[in-house]
Amino acid sequence: MSEPTDFTTHFGYRDVPLGDKQALVNDVFHSVARRYDLMNDLMSGGLHRVWKDVMITTLNPPRDGAPFDLLDVAGGTGDIAFRAAGAAGPNFQATVCDINTDMLAIGRERAEAKHLDHRVTFVEGNAEALPFADGNFDAYTIAFGIRNVPRIPLALKEAYRVLKPGSRFLCLEFSTVTVPGLDRLYDFFSFNIIPQLGRAVTGDAESYRYLVESIRQFPRAEPFAEMIREAGFSRVKYDIMSGGIVALHSGWRL
């Protein structure tokens, strides 16, 4: 998947002007923000929690007194940052960067409720132009957010820019089901059940129809891994989980 050259991009299965995609994505997440985590549980049968735990185990933040600064992008509700803080030592700090103000507001509320507001901060920003200095973080995580970025190569280059030498990039994202039989069941659930769940829980079926369609538009695991390499990362690899439903991609900024 390369950067668009015709000034259009995909919004679900629709082609839209590239400049319009971010606004459309923002509308989706404004609409579903308050029920986002509940819908994640319903859509994945709770498996998203397992996938995220694998991500944190792979991140392996230091448990001793070593300083560690994590940047979590498109993680406005704080889910990844809170999990990482729970696994880390006393000098861990996380910055959550998200373009959506509603998601960030929920994250800040949850950080205060969990008494983690001194360890997790929230910043409004665009993954394509991060508001941080070069070489500022020990790790970069993004979970189920990269596919919603209009210019994915720019976001990957920005991830490389803000990481310190020797630090790690981790991306958890939906992939392509490869298990015979499971692929048909997964498609039926995705296109027929998830939008109706969205309607029942959030009053919004269209936003969840977009989310399903955006998964199908996202590159397969190996082409996406090549995009990560092209951004400058080394030792790039990916681990397929749950029959190809998701993949955890990793790379090092050496």
C-alpha atoms as a PDB file:
ATOM      1  CA  MET A   1       0.000   0.000   0.000  1.00  0.00           C
ATOM      2  CA  SER A   2       1.616   3.234  -1.098  1.00  0.00           C
ATOM      3  CA  GLU A   3       0.764   6.835  -0.456  1.00  0.00           C
ATOM      4  CA  PRO A   4      -2.160   7.937  -2.624  1.00  0.00           C
ATOM      5  CA  THR A   5      -1.115   9.910  -5.698  1.00  0.00           C
ATOM      6  CA  ASP A   6      -4.598  10.691  -7.019  1.00  0.00           C
ATOM      7  CA  PHE A   7      -5.631  12.684  -3.955  1.00  0.00           C
ATOM      8  CA  THR A   8      -8.210  10.100  -2.963  1.00  0.00           C
ATOM      9  CA  THR A   9      -8.287   7.520  -0.225  1.00  0.00           C
ATOM     10  CA  HIS A  10     -10.661   4.886   1.099  1.00  0.00           C
ATOM     11  CA  PHE A  11     -13.312   5.515   3.720  1.00  0.00           C
ATOM     12  CA  GLY A  12     -14.631   2.029   4.240  1.00  0.00           C
ATOM     13  CA  TYR A  13     -15.375   0.961   0.671  1.00  0.00           C
ATOM     14  CA  ARG A  14     -15.883   4.521  -0.557  1.00  0.00           C
ATOM     15  CA  ASP A  15     -13.250   6.580  -2.344  1.00  0.00           C
ATOM     16  CA  VAL A  16     -13.168  10.058  -0.821  1.00  0.00           C
ATOM     17  CA  PRO A  17     -10.878  13.054  -1.287  1.00  0.00           C
ATOM     18  CA  LEU A  18      -7.773  12.438   0.799  1.00  0.00           C
ATOM     19  CA  GLY A  19      -8.287  15.634   2.778  1.00  0.00           C
ATOM     20  CA  ASP A  20     -11.787  14.547   3.803  1.00  0.00           C
ATOM     21  CA  LYS A  21     -10.919  11.163   5.319  1.00  0.00           C
ATOM     22  CA  GLN A  22      -9.658  12.497   8.643  1.00  0.00           C
ATOM     23  CA  ALA A  23     -12.844  14.482   9.236  1.00  0.00           C
ATOM     24  CA  LEU A  24     -14.964  11.429   8.408  1.00  0.00           C
ATOM     25  CA  VAL A  25     -12.917   9.229  10.752  1.00  0.00           C
ATOM     26  CA  ASN A  26     -13.249  11.854  13.491  1.00  0.00           C
ATOM     27  CA  ASP A  27     -17.031  11.831  13.077  1.00  0.00           C
ATOM     28  CA  VAL A  28     -17.046   8.044  13.525  1.00  0.00           C
ATOM     29  CA  PHE A  29     -15.158   8.173  16.795  1.00  0.00           C
ATOM     30  CA  HIS A  30     -17.022  11.193  18.147  1.00  0.00           C
ATOM     31  CA  SER A  31     -20.167   9.152  17.626  1.00  0.00           C
ATOM     32  CA  VAL A  32     -19.029   5.979  19.387  1.00  0.00           C
ATOM     33  CA  ALA A  33     -16.580   7.304  22.016  1.00  0.00           C
ATOM     34  CA  ARG A  34     -18.632   6.632  25.155  1.00  0.00           C
ATOM     35  CA  ARG A  35     -19.396   3.015  24.221  1.00  0.00           C
ATOM     36  CA  TYR A  36     -16.149   2.273  22.404  1.00  0.00           C
ATOM     37  CA  ASP A  37     -14.671  -0.176  24.916  1.00  0.00           C
ATOM     38  CA  LEU A  38     -18.008  -1.932  25.473  1.00  0.00           C
ATOM     39  CA  MET A  39     -18.350  -2.421  21.736  1.00  0.00           C
ATOM     40  CA  ASN A  40     -14.803  -3.785  21.581  1.00  0.00           C
ATOM     41  CA  ASP A  41     -15.811  -6.456  24.100  1.00  0.00           C
ATOM     42  CA  LEU A  42     -18.961  -7.334  22.181  1.00  0.00           C
ATOM     43  CA  MET A  43     -17.297  -7.370  18.762  1.00  0.00           C
ATOM     44  CA  SER A  44     -14.324  -9.497  19.811  1.00  0.00           C
ATOM     45  CA  GLY A  45     -15.911 -11.629  22.510  1.00  0.00           C
ATOM     46  CA  GLY A  46     -13.383 -10.090  24.895  1.00  0.00           C
ATOM     47  CA  LEU A  47     -10.433 -11.231  22.782  1.00  0.00           C
ATOM     48  CA  HIS A  48      -9.208  -7.657  22.316  1.00  0.00           C
ATOM     49  CA  ARG A  49      -8.102  -7.796  25.951  1.00  0.00           C
ATOM     50  CA  VAL A  50      -5.949 -10.863  25.243  1.00  0.00           C
ATOM     51  CA  TRP A  51      -4.434  -9.260  22.136  1.00  0.00           C
ATOM     52  CA  LYS A  52      -3.592  -6.103  24.074  1.00  0.00           C
ATOM     53  CA  ASP A  53      -2.062  -8.129  26.909  1.00  0.00           C
ATOM     54  CA  VAL A  54       0.196  -9.809  24.336  1.00  0.00           C
ATOM     55  CA  MET A  55       1.191  -6.367  23.094  1.00  0.00           C
ATOM     56  CA  ILE A  56       2.143  -5.228  26.606  1.00  0.00           C
ATOM     57  CA  THR A  57       4.060  -8.442  27.277  1.00  0.00           C
ATOM     58  CA  THR A  58       5.990  -7.845  24.059  1.00  0.00           C
ATOM     59  CA  LEU A  59       6.606  -4.221  25.017  1.00  0.00           C
ATOM     60  CA  ASN A  60       8.010  -5.430  28.345  1.00  0.00           C
ATOM     61  CA  PRO A  61       8.442  -2.048  30.052  1.00  0.00           C
ATOM     62  CA  PRO A  62      11.104  -2.074  32.786  1.00  0.00           C
ATOM     63  CA  ARG A  63       9.825  -2.995  36.222  1.00  0.00           C
ATOM     64  CA  ASP A  64      12.822  -1.542  38.053  1.00  0.00           C
ATOM     65  CA  GLY A  65      13.607   2.141  38.459  1.00  0.00           C
ATOM     66  CA  ALA A  66      14.782   2.694  34.888  1.00  0.00           C
ATOM     67  CA  PRO A  67      13.020   5.634  33.201  1.00  0.00           C
ATOM     68  CA  PHE A  68      10.777   4.657  30.309  1.00  0.00           C
ATOM     69  CA  ASP A  69       8.731   7.021  28.148  1.00  0.00           C
ATOM     70  CA  LEU A  70       5.978   5.458  26.034  1.00  0.00           C
ATOM     71  CA  LEU A  71       4.084   7.193  23.256  1.00  0.00           C
ATOM     72  CA  ASP A  72       0.715   5.564  22.547  1.00  0.00           C
ATOM     73  CA  VAL A  73      -0.893   6.950  19.401  1.00  0.00           C
ATOM     74  CA  ALA A  74      -4.613   6.784  18.586  1.00  0.00           C
ATOM     75  CA  GLY A  75      -5.221   5.419  22.068  1.00  0.00           C
ATOM     76  CA  GLY A  76      -7.451   8.172  23.376  1.00  0.00           C
ATOM     77  CA  THR A  77      -9.344   6.125  25.968  1.00  0.00           C
ATOM     78  CA  GLY A  78      -6.016   5.196  27.596  1.00  0.00           C
ATOM     79  CA  ASP A  79      -6.450   1.430  27.429  1.00  0.00           C
ATOM     80  CA  ILE A  80      -2.928   0.579  26.229  1.00  0.00           C
ATOM     81  CA  ALA A  81      -1.240   3.228  28.375  1.00  0.00           C
ATOM     82  CA  PHE A  82      -2.996   2.035  31.535  1.00  0.00           C
ATOM     83  CA  ARG A  83      -2.055  -1.579  30.843  1.00  0.00           C
ATOM     84  CA  ALA A  84       1.552  -0.575  30.275  1.00  0.00           C
ATOM     85  CA  ALA A  85       1.620   1.488  33.465  1.00  0.00           C
ATOM     86  CA  GLY A  86       0.342  -1.516  35.401  1.00  0.00           C
ATOM     87  CA  ALA A  87       3.168  -3.660  34.064  1.00  0.00           C
ATOM     88  CA  ALA A  88       5.928  -1.079  34.527  1.00  0.00           C
ATOM     89  CA  GLY A  89       8.106   0.259  37.295  1.00  0.00           C
ATOM     90  CA  PRO A  90       7.836   3.584  39.147  1.00  0.00           C
ATOM     91  CA  ASN A  91       9.604   5.738  36.541  1.00  0.00           C
ATOM     92  CA  PHE A  92       7.330   4.814  33.658  1.00  0.00           C
ATOM     93  CA  GLN A  93       5.538   7.644  31.873  1.00  0.00           C
ATOM     94  CA  ALA A  94       3.064   7.402  29.015  1.00  0.00           C
ATOM     95  CA  THR A  95       1.869  10.056  26.602  1.00  0.00           C
ATOM     96  CA  VAL A  96      -1.359   9.283  24.788  1.00  0.00           C
ATOM     97  CA  CYS A  97      -1.705  11.169  21.514  1.00  0.00           C
ATOM     98  CA  ASP A  98      -5.040  11.150  19.712  1.00  0.00           C
ATOM     99  CA  ILE A  99      -6.706  13.457  17.221  1.00  0.00           C
ATOM    100  CA  ASN A 100     -10.169  12.939  18.719  1.00  0.00           C
ATOM    101  CA  THR A 101     -11.114  15.210  21.616  1.00  0.00           C
ATOM    102  CA  ASP A 102     -13.993  13.022  22.805  1.00  0.00           C
ATOM    103  CA  MET A 103     -11.746   9.975  23.145  1.00  0.00           C
ATOM    104  CA  LEU A 104      -9.119  12.049  24.974  1.00  0.00           C
ATOM    105  CA  ALA A 105     -11.713  13.375  27.412  1.00  0.00           C
ATOM    106  CA  ILE A 106     -12.715   9.815  28.298  1.00  0.00           C
ATOM    107  CA  GLY A 107      -9.058   8.859  28.745  1.00  0.00           C
ATOM    108  CA  ARG A 108      -8.409  11.757  31.126  1.00  0.00           C
ATOM    109  CA  GLU A 109     -11.472  10.841  33.196  1.00  0.00           C
ATOM    110  CA  ARG A 110     -10.297   7.244  33.445  1.00  0.00           C
ATOM    111  CA  ALA A 111      -6.744   8.239  34.336  1.00  0.00           C
ATOM    112  CA  GLU A 112      -8.052  10.282  37.265  1.00  0.00           C
ATOM    113  CA  ALA A 113     -10.349   7.459  38.380  1.00  0.00           C
ATOM    114  CA  LYS A 114      -7.428   5.004  38.279  1.00  0.00           C
ATOM    115  CA  HIS A 115      -5.093   7.505  40.014  1.00  0.00           C
ATOM    116  CA  LEU A 116      -2.786   7.326  37.017  1.00  0.00           C
ATOM    117  CA  ASP A 117      -3.058  10.960  35.922  1.00  0.00           C
ATOM    118  CA  HIS A 118       0.489  11.592  37.216  1.00  0.00           C
ATOM    119  CA  ARG A 119       1.876   8.828  34.980  1.00  0.00           C
ATOM    120  CA  VAL A 120      -0.305   9.092  31.868  1.00  0.00           C
ATOM    121  CA  THR A 121      -0.803  12.382  30.025  1.00  0.00           C
ATOM    122  CA  PHE A 122      -3.081  13.089  27.069  1.00  0.00           C
ATOM    123  CA  VAL A 123      -2.194  15.249  24.071  1.00  0.00           C
ATOM    124  CA  GLU A 124      -4.272  16.139  21.047  1.00  0.00           C
ATOM    125  CA  GLY A 125      -2.287  15.502  17.909  1.00  0.00           C
ATOM    126  CA  ASN A 126      -2.200  13.982  14.442  1.00  0.00           C
ATOM    127  CA  ALA A 127      -0.287  10.751  13.820  1.00  0.00           C
ATOM    128  CA  GLU A 128       0.929  12.207  10.520  1.00  0.00           C
ATOM    129  CA  ALA A 129       2.550  15.232  12.216  1.00  0.00           C
ATOM    130  CA  LEU A 130       3.262  14.411  15.855  1.00  0.00           C
ATOM    131  CA  PRO A 131       3.761  17.397  18.174  1.00  0.00           C
ATOM    132  CA  PHE A 132       6.942  15.987  19.738  1.00  0.00           C
ATOM    133  CA  ALA A 133      10.670  16.463  19.307  1.00  0.00           C
ATOM    134  CA  ASP A 134      12.918  14.005  17.511  1.00  0.00           C
ATOM    135  CA  GLY A 135      14.181  11.048  19.518  1.00  0.00           C
ATOM    136  CA  ASN A 136      11.880  11.655  22.463  1.00  0.00           C
ATOM    137  CA  PHE A 137      10.417   8.230  23.371  1.00  0.00           C
ATOM    138  CA  ASP A 138      11.563   4.736  24.371  1.00  0.00           C
ATOM    139  CA  ALA A 139       8.646   3.014  22.638  1.00  0.00           C
ATOM    140  CA  TYR A 140       5.740   3.775  20.308  1.00  0.00           C
ATOM    141  CA  THR A 141       2.516   1.780  20.382  1.00  0.00           C
ATOM    142  CA  ILE A 142      -0.604   2.001  18.274  1.00  0.00           C
ATOM    143  CA  ALA A 143      -3.497  -0.446  18.660  1.00  0.00           C
ATOM    144  CA  PHE A 144      -6.267  -0.651  16.061  1.00  0.00           C
ATOM    145  CA  GLY A 145      -5.563   2.899  14.925  1.00  0.00           C
ATOM    146  CA  ILE A 146      -3.133   2.848  12.025  1.00  0.00           C
ATOM    147  CA  ARG A 147      -5.745   1.791   9.464  1.00  0.00           C
ATOM    148  CA  ASN A 148      -7.700   4.996  10.142  1.00  0.00           C
ATOM    149  CA  VAL A 149      -4.766   7.257   9.301  1.00  0.00           C
ATOM    150  CA  PRO A 150      -5.196   8.783   5.811  1.00  0.00           C
ATOM    151  CA  ARG A 151      -1.455   8.729   4.985  1.00  0.00           C
ATOM    152  CA  ILE A 152      -0.075   5.642   6.699  1.00  0.00           C
ATOM    153  CA  PRO A 153       3.506   6.040   5.384  1.00  0.00           C
ATOM    154  CA  LEU A 154       3.672   9.509   6.941  1.00  0.00           C
ATOM    155  CA  ALA A 155       2.521   8.144  10.292  1.00  0.00           C
ATOM    156  CA  LEU A 156       5.182   5.417  10.170  1.00  0.00           C
ATOM    157  CA  LYS A 157       7.892   7.968   9.365  1.00  0.00           C
ATOM    158  CA  GLU A 158       6.705  10.101  12.273  1.00  0.00           C
ATOM    159  CA  ALA A 159       6.890   7.079  14.568  1.00  0.00           C
ATOM    160  CA  TYR A 160      10.494   6.550  13.494  1.00  0.00           C
ATOM    161  CA  ARG A 161      11.317  10.244  13.993  1.00  0.00           C
ATOM    162  CA  VAL A 162      10.106  10.558  17.585  1.00  0.00           C
ATOM    163  CA  LEU A 163      11.738   7.341  18.819  1.00  0.00           C
ATOM    164  CA  LYS A 164      15.166   7.202  20.428  1.00  0.00           C
ATOM    165  CA  PRO A 165      17.820   4.985  18.834  1.00  0.00           C
ATOM    166  CA  GLY A 166      17.410   1.492  20.236  1.00  0.00           C
ATOM    167  CA  SER A 167      13.693   1.886  20.889  1.00  0.00           C
ATOM    168  CA  ARG A 168      10.744  -0.143  19.653  1.00  0.00           C
ATOM    169  CA  PHE A 169       7.682   0.291  17.478  1.00  0.00           C
ATOM    170  CA  LEU A 170       4.646  -1.940  18.115  1.00  0.00           C
ATOM    171  CA  CYS A 171       1.460  -1.933  16.088  1.00  0.00           C
ATOM    172  CA  LEU A 172      -1.557  -4.120  16.839  1.00  0.00           C
ATOM    173  CA  GLU A 173      -3.974  -4.157  13.931  1.00  0.00           C
ATOM    174  CA  PHE A 174      -6.584  -6.274  12.255  1.00  0.00           C
ATOM    175  CA  SER A 175      -5.275  -8.508   9.494  1.00  0.00           C
ATOM    176  CA  THR A 176      -6.602 -11.144   7.082  1.00  0.00           C
ATOM    177  CA  VAL A 177      -8.207 -14.385   8.262  1.00  0.00           C
ATOM    178  CA  THR A 178      -6.517 -17.361   6.586  1.00  0.00           C
ATOM    179  CA  VAL A 179      -8.240 -20.320   8.285  1.00  0.00           C
ATOM    180  CA  PRO A 180     -10.708 -22.022   5.901  1.00  0.00           C
ATOM    181  CA  GLY A 181     -14.238 -21.737   7.233  1.00  0.00           C
ATOM    182  CA  LEU A 182     -13.310 -19.125   9.822  1.00  0.00           C
ATOM    183  CA  ASP A 183     -12.994 -16.536   7.049  1.00  0.00           C
ATOM    184  CA  ARG A 184     -16.618 -16.998   5.975  1.00  0.00           C
ATOM    185  CA  LEU A 185     -17.892 -16.994   9.558  1.00  0.00           C
ATOM    186  CA  TYR A 186     -15.830 -13.884  10.309  1.00  0.00           C
ATOM    187  CA  ASP A 187     -17.215 -12.077   7.255  1.00  0.00           C
ATOM    188  CA  PHE A 188     -20.785 -12.960   8.170  1.00  0.00           C
ATOM    189  CA  PHE A 189     -20.312 -11.726  11.750  1.00  0.00           C
ATOM    190  CA  SER A 190     -18.503  -8.580  10.621  1.00  0.00           C
ATOM    191  CA  PHE A 191     -20.922  -7.397   7.970  1.00  0.00           C
ATOM    192  CA  ASN A 192     -24.208  -8.634   9.430  1.00  0.00           C
ATOM    193  CA  ILE A 193     -23.866  -8.673  13.216  1.00  0.00           C
ATOM    194  CA  ILE A 194     -21.429  -5.888  14.110  1.00  0.00           C
ATOM    195  CA  PRO A 195     -23.402  -3.028  12.494  1.00  0.00           C
ATOM    196  CA  GLN A 196     -26.529  -4.223  14.287  1.00  0.00           C
ATOM    197  CA  LEU A 197     -24.633  -4.368  17.582  1.00  0.00           C
ATOM    198  CA  GLY A 198     -23.503  -0.822  16.886  1.00  0.00           C
ATOM    199  CA  ARG A 199     -27.092   0.255  16.310  1.00  0.00           C
ATOM    200  CA  ALA A 200     -28.304  -1.414  19.517  1.00  0.00           C
ATOM    201  CA  VAL A 201     -25.501  -0.212  21.803  1.00  0.00           C
ATOM    202  CA  THR A 202     -24.567   3.205  20.386  1.00  0.00           C
ATOM    203  CA  GLY A 203     -27.476   4.025  18.098  1.00  0.00           C
ATOM    204  CA  ASP A 204     -25.031   4.131  15.196  1.00  0.00           C
ATOM    205  CA  ALA A 205     -24.801   1.280  12.694  1.00  0.00           C
ATOM    206  CA  GLU A 206     -23.029   3.261   9.963  1.00  0.00           C
ATOM    207  CA  SER A 207     -19.926   3.991  12.040  1.00  0.00           C
ATOM    208  CA  TYR A 208     -19.462   0.295  12.723  1.00  0.00           C
ATOM    209  CA  ARG A 209     -20.090  -0.563   9.089  1.00  0.00           C
ATOM    210  CA  TYR A 210     -17.209   1.788   8.262  1.00  0.00           C
ATOM    211  CA  LEU A 211     -14.971   0.153  10.880  1.00  0.00           C
ATOM    212  CA  VAL A 212     -15.619  -3.287   9.368  1.00  0.00           C
ATOM    213  CA  GLU A 213     -14.990  -2.032   5.841  1.00  0.00           C
ATOM    214  CA  SER A 214     -11.775  -0.274   6.893  1.00  0.00           C
ATOM    215  CA  ILE A 215     -10.430  -3.601   8.169  1.00  0.00           C
ATOM    216  CA  ARG A 216     -10.964  -5.177   4.755  1.00  0.00           C
ATOM    217  CA  GLN A 217      -9.150  -2.290   3.053  1.00  0.00           C
ATOM    218  CA  PHE A 218      -6.066  -2.599   5.269  1.00  0.00           C
ATOM    219  CA  PRO A 219      -3.003  -4.356   3.785  1.00  0.00           C
ATOM    220  CA  ARG A 220      -2.175  -7.963   4.567  1.00  0.00           C
ATOM    221  CA  ALA A 221       0.506  -8.571   7.171  1.00  0.00           C
ATOM    222  CA  GLU A 222       3.542  -8.866   4.884  1.00  0.00           C
ATOM    223  CA  PRO A 223       2.828  -5.781   2.727  1.00  0.00           C
ATOM    224  CA  PHE A 224       2.272  -3.763   5.894  1.00  0.00           C
ATOM    225  CA  ALA A 225       5.538  -5.088   7.338  1.00  0.00           C
ATOM    226  CA  GLU A 226       7.269  -3.850   4.186  1.00  0.00           C
ATOM    227  CA  MET A 227       5.784  -0.388   4.767  1.00  0.00           C
ATOM    228  CA  ILE A 228       7.302  -0.424   8.266  1.00  0.00           C
ATOM    229  CA  ARG A 229      10.691  -1.326   6.775  1.00  0.00           C
ATOM    230  CA  GLU A 230      10.390   1.475   4.225  1.00  0.00           C
ATOM    231  CA  ALA A 231       9.867   3.938   7.093  1.00  0.00           C
ATOM    232  CA  GLY A 232      13.351   3.009   8.359  1.00  0.00           C
ATOM    233  CA  PHE A 233      12.684   0.355  10.970  1.00  0.00           C
ATOM    234  CA  SER A 234      14.930  -2.685  11.374  1.00  0.00           C
ATOM    235  CA  ARG A 235      14.285  -6.253  12.542  1.00  0.00           C
ATOM    236  CA  VAL A 236      10.673  -5.941  11.439  1.00  0.00           C
ATOM    237  CA  LYS A 237       8.459  -8.929  12.139  1.00  0.00           C
ATOM    238  CA  TYR A 238       4.854  -9.779  12.871  1.00  0.00           C
ATOM    239  CA  ASP A 239       2.959 -12.392  14.838  1.00  0.00           C
ATOM    240  CA  ILE A 240      -0.432 -13.582  13.593  1.00  0.00           C
ATOM    241  CA  MET A 241      -3.062 -14.213  16.252  1.00  0.00           C
ATOM    242  CA  SER A 242      -6.526 -15.793  16.317  1.00  0.00           C
ATOM    243  CA  GLY A 243      -6.325 -17.317  12.863  1.00  0.00           C
ATOM    244  CA  GLY A 244      -5.291 -14.074  11.200  1.00  0.00           C
ATOM    245  CA  ILE A 245      -7.912 -11.799  12.744  1.00  0.00           C
ATOM    246  CA  VAL A 246      -5.128  -9.605  14.132  1.00  0.00           C
ATOM    247  CA  ALA A 247      -1.379  -9.208  13.745  1.00  0.00           C
ATOM    248  CA  LEU A 248       1.135  -7.677  16.119  1.00  0.00           C
ATOM    249  CA  HIS A 249       3.832  -5.887  14.121  1.00  0.00           C
ATOM    250  CA  SER A 250       7.128  -4.815  15.626  1.00  0.00           C
ATOM    251  CA  GLY A 251      10.256  -3.023  14.500  1.00  0.00           C
ATOM    252  CA  TRP A 252      13.310  -1.374  16.031  1.00  0.00           C
ATOM    253  CA  ARG A 253      14.581   2.144  15.548  1.00  0.00           C
ATOM    254  CA  LEU A 254      18.324   1.367  15.409  1.00  0.00           C
END
